[in-house]
């Protein structure tokens, strides 16, 4: 099990990273990827808040799928961002 202090650290890092990705002045992520992140955060919060609901399992699977999609889209956006940055700088 995770201790309370470690869990608080994980939640802080997750929230900080999410807000950085959503609210950056020069966004690293495309708008569609940022919207997917908002959906992922909503699914994660719903999964956490409703542990005894009949749809808990479905929300868990949807969260896993959204997480996999987000990681893939974020990788693509990061590569495109690097290419764009290299083209502007060189």
N, C-alpha and C. Protein backbone atom coordinates (compact mmCIF):
# COMPACT_ATOMS: atom_id res chain seq x y z
N UNK A 1 0.83 -1.19 0.00
CA UNK A 1 0.00 0.00 0.00
C UNK A 1 0.87 1.25 0.00
N UNK A 2 0.31 2.31 -0.50
CA UNK A 2 1.00 3.59 -0.55
C UNK A 2 0.68 4.38 0.71
N UNK A 3 1.69 5.02 1.27
CA UNK A 3 1.46 5.83 2.47
C UNK A 3 0.75 7.12 2.09
N UNK A 4 0.19 7.77 3.07
CA UNK A 4 -0.53 9.02 2.83
C UNK A 4 0.35 10.11 2.27
N UNK A 5 1.59 10.22 2.78
CA UNK A 5 2.50 11.27 2.30
C UNK A 5 2.89 11.02 0.85
N UNK A 6 3.15 9.77 0.50
CA UNK A 6 3.50 9.45 -0.89
C UNK A 6 2.32 9.72 -1.81
N UNK A 7 1.12 9.35 -1.37
CA UNK A 7 -0.07 9.58 -2.18
C UNK A 7 -0.29 11.07 -2.41
N UNK A 8 -0.08 11.88 -1.38
CA UNK A 8 -0.22 13.33 -1.53
C UNK A 8 0.79 13.87 -2.53
N UNK A 9 2.00 13.33 -2.52
CA UNK A 9 3.02 13.75 -3.48
C UNK A 9 2.61 13.38 -4.90
N UNK A 10 2.10 12.17 -5.08
CA UNK A 10 1.66 11.74 -6.41
C UNK A 10 0.53 12.61 -6.93
N UNK A 11 -0.42 12.93 -6.07
CA UNK A 11 -1.55 13.77 -6.48
C UNK A 11 -1.06 15.16 -6.86
N UNK A 12 -0.12 15.72 -6.08
CA UNK A 12 0.42 17.03 -6.40
C UNK A 12 1.14 17.03 -7.74
N UNK A 13 1.98 16.03 -7.97
CA UNK A 13 2.73 15.96 -9.23
C UNK A 13 1.77 15.79 -10.41
N UNK A 14 0.76 14.94 -10.24
CA UNK A 14 -0.22 14.72 -11.30
C UNK A 14 -0.98 16.00 -11.61
N UNK A 15 -1.42 16.71 -10.57
CA UNK A 15 -2.17 17.96 -10.77
C UNK A 15 -1.27 19.03 -11.39
N UNK A 16 -0.03 19.14 -10.93
CA UNK A 16 0.89 20.13 -11.47
C UNK A 16 1.18 19.86 -12.94
N UNK A 17 1.46 18.61 -13.27
CA UNK A 17 1.75 18.26 -14.67
C UNK A 17 0.53 18.52 -15.56
N UNK A 18 -0.65 18.18 -15.08
CA UNK A 18 -1.86 18.41 -15.86
C UNK A 18 -2.08 19.88 -16.11
N UNK A 19 -1.94 20.71 -15.09
CA UNK A 19 -2.15 22.14 -15.26
C UNK A 19 -1.07 22.75 -16.16
N UNK A 20 0.16 22.25 -16.07
CA UNK A 20 1.21 22.73 -16.97
C UNK A 20 0.88 22.40 -18.42
N UNK A 21 0.40 21.20 -18.67
CA UNK A 21 0.07 20.79 -20.03
C UNK A 21 -1.17 21.51 -20.56
N UNK A 22 -2.10 21.84 -19.68
CA UNK A 22 -3.33 22.50 -20.12
C UNK A 22 -3.17 24.01 -20.26
N UNK A 23 -2.36 24.64 -19.41
CA UNK A 23 -2.35 26.09 -19.37
C UNK A 23 -1.06 26.76 -19.79
N UNK A 24 -0.19 26.08 -20.48
CA UNK A 24 1.09 26.68 -20.88
C UNK A 24 0.88 27.79 -21.90
N UNK A 25 1.74 28.81 -21.86
CA UNK A 25 1.65 29.92 -22.81
C UNK A 25 1.95 29.43 -24.23
N UNK A 26 2.95 28.60 -24.35
CA UNK A 26 3.29 27.99 -25.63
C UNK A 26 2.94 26.51 -25.51
N UNK A 27 1.73 26.16 -25.88
CA UNK A 27 1.28 24.79 -25.61
C UNK A 27 2.09 23.75 -26.37
N UNK A 28 2.53 22.76 -25.61
CA UNK A 28 3.24 21.62 -26.18
C UNK A 28 2.25 20.68 -26.85
N UNK A 29 1.05 20.61 -26.30
CA UNK A 29 0.04 19.70 -26.80
C UNK A 29 -0.96 20.42 -27.70
N UNK A 30 -1.44 19.72 -28.70
CA UNK A 30 -2.49 20.25 -29.57
C UNK A 30 -3.79 20.37 -28.77
N UNK A 31 -4.70 21.16 -29.26
CA UNK A 31 -5.97 21.37 -28.57
C UNK A 31 -6.71 20.06 -28.35
N UNK A 32 -6.72 19.19 -29.35
CA UNK A 32 -7.43 17.91 -29.21
C UNK A 32 -6.82 17.05 -28.11
N UNK A 33 -5.50 17.10 -27.97
CA UNK A 33 -4.84 16.32 -26.92
C UNK A 33 -5.14 16.91 -25.55
N UNK A 34 -5.20 18.24 -25.48
CA UNK A 34 -5.56 18.86 -24.20
C UNK A 34 -6.99 18.54 -23.81
N UNK A 35 -7.89 18.49 -24.78
CA UNK A 35 -9.27 18.09 -24.48
C UNK A 35 -9.33 16.64 -24.02
N UNK A 36 -8.53 15.78 -24.63
CA UNK A 36 -8.48 14.39 -24.19
C UNK A 36 -7.95 14.30 -22.77
N UNK A 37 -7.01 15.16 -22.40
CA UNK A 37 -6.50 15.18 -21.03
C UNK A 37 -7.60 15.58 -20.05
N UNK A 38 -8.44 16.54 -20.43
CA UNK A 38 -9.55 16.94 -19.57
C UNK A 38 -10.52 15.77 -19.39
N UNK A 39 -10.81 15.05 -20.48
CA UNK A 39 -11.68 13.88 -20.39
C UNK A 39 -11.05 12.82 -19.49
N UNK A 40 -9.75 12.60 -19.64
CA UNK A 40 -9.04 11.63 -18.82
C UNK A 40 -9.11 12.01 -17.34
N UNK A 41 -8.89 13.28 -17.04
CA UNK A 41 -9.00 13.73 -15.65
C UNK A 41 -10.40 13.53 -15.10
N UNK A 42 -11.42 13.81 -15.91
CA UNK A 42 -12.81 13.60 -15.48
C UNK A 42 -13.11 12.13 -15.22
N UNK A 43 -12.63 11.28 -16.10
CA UNK A 43 -12.83 9.83 -15.91
C UNK A 43 -12.11 9.35 -14.65
N UNK A 44 -10.89 9.84 -14.45
CA UNK A 44 -10.14 9.44 -13.25
C UNK A 44 -10.82 9.88 -11.98
N UNK A 45 -11.33 11.10 -11.98
CA UNK A 45 -12.04 11.59 -10.79
C UNK A 45 -13.33 10.81 -10.55
N UNK A 46 -14.05 10.50 -11.63
CA UNK A 46 -15.28 9.71 -11.48
C UNK A 46 -14.96 8.33 -10.94
N UNK A 47 -13.90 7.73 -11.44
CA UNK A 47 -13.48 6.40 -10.97
C UNK A 47 -13.14 6.43 -9.48
N UNK A 48 -12.48 7.50 -9.06
CA UNK A 48 -12.07 7.62 -7.67
C UNK A 48 -13.25 7.91 -6.75
N UNK A 49 -14.20 8.73 -7.22
CA UNK A 49 -15.29 9.18 -6.36
C UNK A 49 -16.42 8.18 -6.22
N UNK A 50 -16.55 7.26 -7.16
CA UNK A 50 -17.67 6.33 -7.17
C UNK A 50 -17.20 4.87 -7.09
N UNK A 51 -16.58 4.45 -5.98
CA UNK A 51 -16.03 3.09 -5.93
C UNK A 51 -17.09 1.99 -5.87
N UNK A 52 -18.28 2.30 -5.43
CA UNK A 52 -19.31 1.26 -5.28
C UNK A 52 -20.41 1.35 -6.33
N UNK A 53 -20.24 2.20 -7.31
CA UNK A 53 -21.27 2.37 -8.34
C UNK A 53 -21.26 1.18 -9.30
N UNK A 54 -22.38 0.93 -9.94
CA UNK A 54 -22.49 -0.19 -10.86
C UNK A 54 -21.61 -0.01 -12.10
N UNK A 55 -21.29 1.23 -12.42
CA UNK A 55 -20.50 1.52 -13.62
C UNK A 55 -19.01 1.68 -13.33
N UNK A 56 -18.58 1.35 -12.12
CA UNK A 56 -17.19 1.53 -11.72
C UNK A 56 -16.22 0.79 -12.65
N UNK A 57 -16.54 -0.43 -13.00
CA UNK A 57 -15.69 -1.21 -13.90
C UNK A 57 -15.60 -0.61 -15.29
N UNK A 58 -16.73 -0.13 -15.79
CA UNK A 58 -16.75 0.50 -17.12
C UNK A 58 -15.91 1.78 -17.14
N UNK A 59 -16.02 2.56 -16.08
CA UNK A 59 -15.24 3.79 -15.98
C UNK A 59 -13.75 3.46 -15.90
N UNK A 60 -13.41 2.39 -15.20
CA UNK A 60 -12.02 1.96 -15.12
C UNK A 60 -11.45 1.61 -16.48
N UNK A 61 -12.20 0.85 -17.26
CA UNK A 61 -11.75 0.47 -18.60
C UNK A 61 -11.66 1.70 -19.50
N UNK A 62 -12.66 2.59 -19.41
CA UNK A 62 -12.62 3.81 -20.22
C UNK A 62 -11.43 4.69 -19.84
N UNK A 63 -11.09 4.73 -18.56
CA UNK A 63 -9.93 5.50 -18.11
C UNK A 63 -8.64 4.92 -18.67
N UNK A 64 -8.52 3.60 -18.66
CA UNK A 64 -7.32 2.96 -19.22
C UNK A 64 -7.19 3.25 -20.72
N UNK A 65 -8.29 3.16 -21.43
CA UNK A 65 -8.26 3.44 -22.88
C UNK A 65 -7.90 4.90 -23.14
N UNK A 66 -8.53 5.81 -22.40
CA UNK A 66 -8.22 7.24 -22.57
C UNK A 66 -6.77 7.54 -22.21
N UNK A 67 -6.25 6.85 -21.20
CA UNK A 67 -4.86 7.05 -20.81
C UNK A 67 -3.92 6.59 -21.92
N UNK A 68 -4.18 5.44 -22.51
CA UNK A 68 -3.34 4.94 -23.61
C UNK A 68 -3.41 5.89 -24.81
N UNK A 69 -4.60 6.37 -25.14
CA UNK A 69 -4.75 7.33 -26.24
C UNK A 69 -4.00 8.62 -25.94
N UNK A 70 -4.11 9.10 -24.71
CA UNK A 70 -3.44 10.33 -24.35
C UNK A 70 -1.93 10.21 -24.47
N UNK A 71 -1.37 9.11 -24.01
CA UNK A 71 0.08 8.92 -24.10
C UNK A 71 0.52 8.91 -25.56
N UNK A 72 -0.22 8.21 -26.41
CA UNK A 72 0.11 8.18 -27.83
C UNK A 72 0.01 9.55 -28.47
N UNK A 73 -1.08 10.27 -28.23
CA UNK A 73 -1.27 11.60 -28.79
C UNK A 73 -0.22 12.58 -28.26
N UNK A 74 0.10 12.48 -26.98
CA UNK A 74 1.11 13.37 -26.40
C UNK A 74 2.47 13.12 -27.02
N UNK A 75 2.80 11.87 -27.30
CA UNK A 75 4.08 11.56 -27.95
C UNK A 75 4.13 12.16 -29.36
N UNK A 76 3.05 12.03 -30.09
CA UNK A 76 2.97 12.60 -31.44
C UNK A 76 3.08 14.12 -31.38
N UNK A 77 2.36 14.75 -30.46
CA UNK A 77 2.42 16.20 -30.32
C UNK A 77 3.82 16.66 -29.93
N UNK A 78 4.48 15.91 -29.05
CA UNK A 78 5.83 16.28 -28.63
C UNK A 78 6.81 16.20 -29.80
N UNK A 79 6.71 15.15 -30.60
CA UNK A 79 7.58 15.03 -31.76
C UNK A 79 7.33 16.17 -32.77
N UNK A 80 6.07 16.49 -32.99
CA UNK A 80 5.74 17.60 -33.89
C UNK A 80 6.24 18.93 -33.34
N UNK A 81 6.14 19.12 -32.04
CA UNK A 81 6.61 20.33 -31.40
C UNK A 81 8.12 20.46 -31.55
N UNK A 82 8.85 19.34 -31.38
CA UNK A 82 10.30 19.37 -31.56
C UNK A 82 10.69 19.69 -33.00
N UNK A 83 9.99 19.08 -33.95
CA UNK A 83 10.28 19.36 -35.36
C UNK A 83 10.03 20.83 -35.69
N UNK A 84 8.93 21.37 -35.20
CA UNK A 84 8.60 22.77 -35.43
C UNK A 84 9.64 23.69 -34.81
N UNK A 85 10.06 23.36 -33.61
CA UNK A 85 11.06 24.15 -32.90
C UNK A 85 12.41 24.10 -33.63
N UNK A 86 12.78 22.92 -34.13
CA UNK A 86 14.04 22.78 -34.87
C UNK A 86 13.98 23.54 -36.18
N UNK A 87 12.84 23.54 -36.85
CA UNK A 87 12.70 24.26 -38.11
C UNK A 87 12.78 25.78 -37.90
N UNK A 88 12.23 26.26 -36.80
CA UNK A 88 12.27 27.70 -36.51
C UNK A 88 13.66 28.15 -36.07
N UNK A 89 14.36 27.28 -35.37
CA UNK A 89 15.67 27.64 -34.83
C UNK A 89 16.82 27.44 -35.79
N UNK A 90 16.65 26.60 -36.80
CA UNK A 90 17.79 26.29 -37.65
C UNK A 90 17.49 26.42 -39.05
